[in-house]
Amino acid sequence: MGDRLELVSHIPDVQANYQGLKNLARHLRTGSLFLLSIQKSGIDFEQHLPGGIVYSQLIEELEDKIDYHTRKKSYFFKKDGKILAQEQLTITLFRQDAYQKLFDEAGFDFQGVNNENTLAVYKKR
């Protein structure tokens, strides 16, 4: 994989993300595998659905720090220009160097990615 990866989290607080991974590690046995899905980063788009409904996703960049950056993702279902449903999430995207250090501190070793490049595999020390 030539692309640099980022760890994407829906937990808005950076310290809570660190603590959450450490808590997870405490509950796994030595040698356990921890798998993370590899996905393309979100982009703005619209998709027309049956019944005249339009699904759209909008991305807004928020803060940009050395170890991470944040985005606001807005999801909408519209019909005839009227919003039927919507949701907004603030997500944290940890840069590769930062999350690799975090995984190491939590007791995980990177094993590689699967043949399809869809999963990052970590092993609990």
C-alpha atoms as a PDB file:
ATOM      1  CA  MET A   1       0.000   0.000   0.000  1.00  0.00           C
ATOM      2  CA  GLY A   2       1.577   3.227  -1.138  1.00  0.00           C
ATOM      3  CA  ASP A   3      -0.957   5.515   0.510  1.00  0.00           C
ATOM      4  CA  ARG A   4      -0.419   6.708   4.047  1.00  0.00           C
ATOM      5  CA  LEU A   5      -3.223   5.616   6.306  1.00  0.00           C
ATOM      6  CA  GLU A   6      -5.123   7.599   8.909  1.00  0.00           C
ATOM      7  CA  LEU A   7      -7.058   6.223  11.852  1.00  0.00           C
ATOM      8  CA  VAL A   8     -10.591   7.616  11.714  1.00  0.00           C
ATOM      9  CA  SER A   9     -12.595   7.853  14.925  1.00  0.00           C
ATOM     10  CA  HIS A  10     -16.102   9.047  15.721  1.00  0.00           C
ATOM     11  CA  ILE A  11     -14.993   9.772  19.302  1.00  0.00           C
ATOM     12  CA  PRO A  12     -14.582  13.573  19.315  1.00  0.00           C
ATOM     13  CA  ASP A  13     -12.100  13.939  22.201  1.00  0.00           C
ATOM     14  CA  VAL A  14      -8.457  13.084  21.398  1.00  0.00           C
ATOM     15  CA  GLN A  15      -7.635  11.894  24.924  1.00  0.00           C
ATOM     16  CA  ALA A  16     -10.763   9.718  24.991  1.00  0.00           C
ATOM     17  CA  ASN A  17      -9.504   8.017  21.830  1.00  0.00           C
ATOM     18  CA  TYR A  18      -6.166   7.258  23.487  1.00  0.00           C
ATOM     19  CA  GLN A  19      -7.878   5.939  26.609  1.00  0.00           C
ATOM     20  CA  GLY A  20     -10.336   3.867  24.577  1.00  0.00           C
ATOM     21  CA  LEU A  21      -7.572   2.020  22.739  1.00  0.00           C
ATOM     22  CA  LYS A  22      -5.736   1.343  25.999  1.00  0.00           C
ATOM     23  CA  ASN A  23      -8.965   0.004  27.520  1.00  0.00           C
ATOM     24  CA  LEU A  24      -9.501  -2.248  24.507  1.00  0.00           C
ATOM     25  CA  ALA A  25      -5.963  -3.606  24.801  1.00  0.00           C
ATOM     26  CA  ARG A  26      -6.525  -4.512  28.460  1.00  0.00           C
ATOM     27  CA  HIS A  27      -9.447  -6.756  27.458  1.00  0.00           C
ATOM     28  CA  LEU A  28      -7.584  -8.693  24.765  1.00  0.00           C
ATOM     29  CA  ARG A  29      -5.363 -11.697  25.417  1.00  0.00           C
ATOM     30  CA  THR A  30      -1.744 -11.696  24.337  1.00  0.00           C
ATOM     31  CA  GLY A  31      -1.602 -12.780  20.703  1.00  0.00           C
ATOM     32  CA  SER A  32      -5.155 -11.620  19.924  1.00  0.00           C
ATOM     33  CA  LEU A  33      -5.672  -9.920  16.591  1.00  0.00           C
ATOM     34  CA  PHE A  34      -7.264  -6.493  16.243  1.00  0.00           C
ATOM     35  CA  LEU A  35      -8.564  -5.774  12.730  1.00  0.00           C
ATOM     36  CA  LEU A  36      -9.372  -2.349  11.323  1.00  0.00           C
ATOM     37  CA  SER A  37     -11.231  -1.721   8.089  1.00  0.00           C
ATOM     38  CA  ILE A  38      -9.311   0.210   5.418  1.00  0.00           C
ATOM     39  CA  GLN A  39     -11.544   2.609   3.501  1.00  0.00           C
ATOM     40  CA  LYS A  40     -11.169   5.590   1.221  1.00  0.00           C
ATOM     41  CA  SER A  41     -11.582   8.954   2.866  1.00  0.00           C
ATOM     42  CA  GLY A  42     -15.004  10.581   2.593  1.00  0.00           C
ATOM     43  CA  ILE A  43     -15.834  12.994  -0.192  1.00  0.00           C
ATOM     44  CA  ASP A  44     -18.789  15.246  -0.967  1.00  0.00           C
ATOM     45  CA  PHE A  45     -21.336  13.467  -3.120  1.00  0.00           C
ATOM     46  CA  GLU A  46     -24.992  12.964  -3.953  1.00  0.00           C
ATOM     47  CA  GLN A  47     -26.779   9.772  -4.888  1.00  0.00           C
ATOM     48  CA  HIS A  48     -30.285   9.584  -6.308  1.00  0.00           C
ATOM     49  CA  LEU A  49     -32.393   6.886  -4.647  1.00  0.00           C
ATOM     50  CA  PRO A  50     -35.768   5.417  -5.620  1.00  0.00           C
ATOM     51  CA  GLY A  51     -38.832   7.538  -4.883  1.00  0.00           C
ATOM     52  CA  GLY A  52     -37.170  10.841  -5.743  1.00  0.00           C
ATOM     53  CA  ILE A  53     -35.003  10.817  -2.604  1.00  0.00           C
ATOM     54  CA  VAL A  54     -31.480  12.220  -2.790  1.00  0.00           C
ATOM     55  CA  TYR A  55     -28.799  11.100  -0.319  1.00  0.00           C
ATOM     56  CA  SER A  56     -25.924  13.542   0.104  1.00  0.00           C
ATOM     57  CA  GLN A  57     -22.788  13.762   2.186  1.00  0.00           C
ATOM     58  CA  LEU A  58     -20.853  16.975   2.812  1.00  0.00           C
ATOM     59  CA  ILE A  59     -17.384  17.176   4.362  1.00  0.00           C
ATOM     60  CA  GLU A  60     -16.056  20.273   6.131  1.00  0.00           C
ATOM     61  CA  GLU A  61     -12.470  20.414   7.367  1.00  0.00           C
ATOM     62  CA  LEU A  62     -12.229  21.812  10.896  1.00  0.00           C
ATOM     63  CA  GLU A  63      -8.966  21.899  12.852  1.00  0.00           C
ATOM     64  CA  ASP A  64      -5.571  20.757  11.583  1.00  0.00           C
ATOM     65  CA  LYS A  65      -3.007  19.704  14.206  1.00  0.00           C
ATOM     66  CA  ILE A  66       0.367  17.963  13.952  1.00  0.00           C
ATOM     67  CA  ASP A  67      -0.939  14.527  15.027  1.00  0.00           C
ATOM     68  CA  TYR A  68      -4.530  14.704  13.779  1.00  0.00           C
ATOM     69  CA  HIS A  69      -7.168  16.736  11.993  1.00  0.00           C
ATOM     70  CA  THR A  70     -10.928  16.900  12.395  1.00  0.00           C
ATOM     71  CA  ARG A  71     -13.830  17.010   9.972  1.00  0.00           C
ATOM     72  CA  LYS A  72     -17.525  17.605  10.191  1.00  0.00           C
ATOM     73  CA  LYS A  73     -19.498  15.098   8.123  1.00  0.00           C
ATOM     74  CA  SER A  74     -23.092  15.974   7.326  1.00  0.00           C
ATOM     75  CA  TYR A  75     -25.478  13.387   5.904  1.00  0.00           C
ATOM     76  CA  PHE A  76     -28.833  14.313   4.347  1.00  0.00           C
ATOM     77  CA  PHE A  77     -31.839  12.598   2.828  1.00  0.00           C
ATOM     78  CA  LYS A  78     -33.855  15.077   0.746  1.00  0.00           C
ATOM     79  CA  LYS A  79     -36.939  14.961  -1.418  1.00  0.00           C
ATOM     80  CA  ASP A  80     -38.035  17.882  -3.595  1.00  0.00           C
ATOM     81  CA  GLY A  81     -35.384  20.019  -1.873  1.00  0.00           C
ATOM     82  CA  LYS A  82     -36.846  19.352   1.594  1.00  0.00           C
ATOM     83  CA  ILE A  83     -34.642  17.669   4.221  1.00  0.00           C
ATOM     84  CA  LEU A  84     -36.277  14.452   5.434  1.00  0.00           C
ATOM     85  CA  ALA A  85     -33.446  13.377   7.751  1.00  0.00           C
ATOM     86  CA  GLN A  86     -29.974  14.589   8.617  1.00  0.00           C
ATOM     87  CA  GLU A  87     -27.040  13.765  10.861  1.00  0.00           C
ATOM     88  CA  GLN A  88     -23.778  15.534  11.628  1.00  0.00           C
ATOM     89  CA  LEU A  89     -20.676  13.904  13.058  1.00  0.00           C
ATOM     90  CA  THR A  90     -17.338  15.361  14.038  1.00  0.00           C
ATOM     91  CA  ILE A  91     -14.645  12.821  13.286  1.00  0.00           C
ATOM     92  CA  THR A  92     -10.989  12.742  14.278  1.00  0.00           C
ATOM     93  CA  LEU A  93      -8.414  11.535  11.761  1.00  0.00           C
ATOM     94  CA  PHE A  94      -5.117  10.560  13.390  1.00  0.00           C
ATOM     95  CA  ARG A  95      -2.078  10.804  11.140  1.00  0.00           C
ATOM     96  CA  GLN A  96      -0.132   7.575  10.593  1.00  0.00           C
ATOM     97  CA  ASP A  97       2.885   8.415  12.770  1.00  0.00           C
ATOM     98  CA  ALA A  98       0.644   9.452  15.672  1.00  0.00           C
ATOM     99  CA  TYR A  99      -1.643   6.434  15.645  1.00  0.00           C
ATOM    100  CA  GLN A 100       1.247   3.989  15.147  1.00  0.00           C
ATOM    101  CA  LYS A 101       2.814   5.406  18.322  1.00  0.00           C
ATOM    102  CA  LEU A 102      -0.536   5.128  20.108  1.00  0.00           C
ATOM    103  CA  PHE A 103      -0.952   1.476  19.071  1.00  0.00           C
ATOM    104  CA  ASP A 104       2.595   0.721  20.219  1.00  0.00           C
ATOM    105  CA  GLU A 105       1.986   2.355  23.614  1.00  0.00           C
ATOM    106  CA  ALA A 106      -1.271   0.395  23.988  1.00  0.00           C
ATOM    107  CA  GLY A 107       0.566  -2.881  23.298  1.00  0.00           C
ATOM    108  CA  PHE A 108      -0.263  -3.590  19.642  1.00  0.00           C
ATOM    109  CA  ASP A 109       2.195  -4.535  16.894  1.00  0.00           C
ATOM    110  CA  PHE A 110       1.334  -3.914  13.262  1.00  0.00           C
ATOM    111  CA  GLN A 111       1.258  -7.200  11.323  1.00  0.00           C
ATOM    112  CA  GLY A 112       0.397  -5.850   7.882  1.00  0.00           C
ATOM    113  CA  VAL A 113      -2.659  -5.663   5.664  1.00  0.00           C
ATOM    114  CA  ASN A 114      -4.656  -8.502   4.143  1.00  0.00           C
ATOM    115  CA  ASN A 115      -4.272  -9.476   0.471  1.00  0.00           C
ATOM    116  CA  GLU A 116      -7.296  -7.407  -0.560  1.00  0.00           C
ATOM    117  CA  ASN A 117      -5.976  -4.272   1.216  1.00  0.00           C
ATOM    118  CA  THR A 118      -9.238  -4.028   3.152  1.00  0.00           C
ATOM    119  CA  LEU A 119      -7.990  -4.784   6.688  1.00  0.00           C
ATOM    120  CA  ALA A 120      -5.081  -3.527   8.792  1.00  0.00           C
ATOM    121  CA  VAL A 121      -4.006  -6.276  11.197  1.00  0.00           C
ATOM    122  CA  TYR A 122      -2.560  -5.635  14.660  1.00  0.00           C
ATOM    123  CA  LYS A 123      -1.494  -8.186  17.269  1.00  0.00           C
ATOM    124  CA  LYS A 124      -1.704  -7.686  21.051  1.00  0.00           C
ATOM    125  CA  ARG A 125       1.663  -8.124  22.809  1.00  0.00           C
END
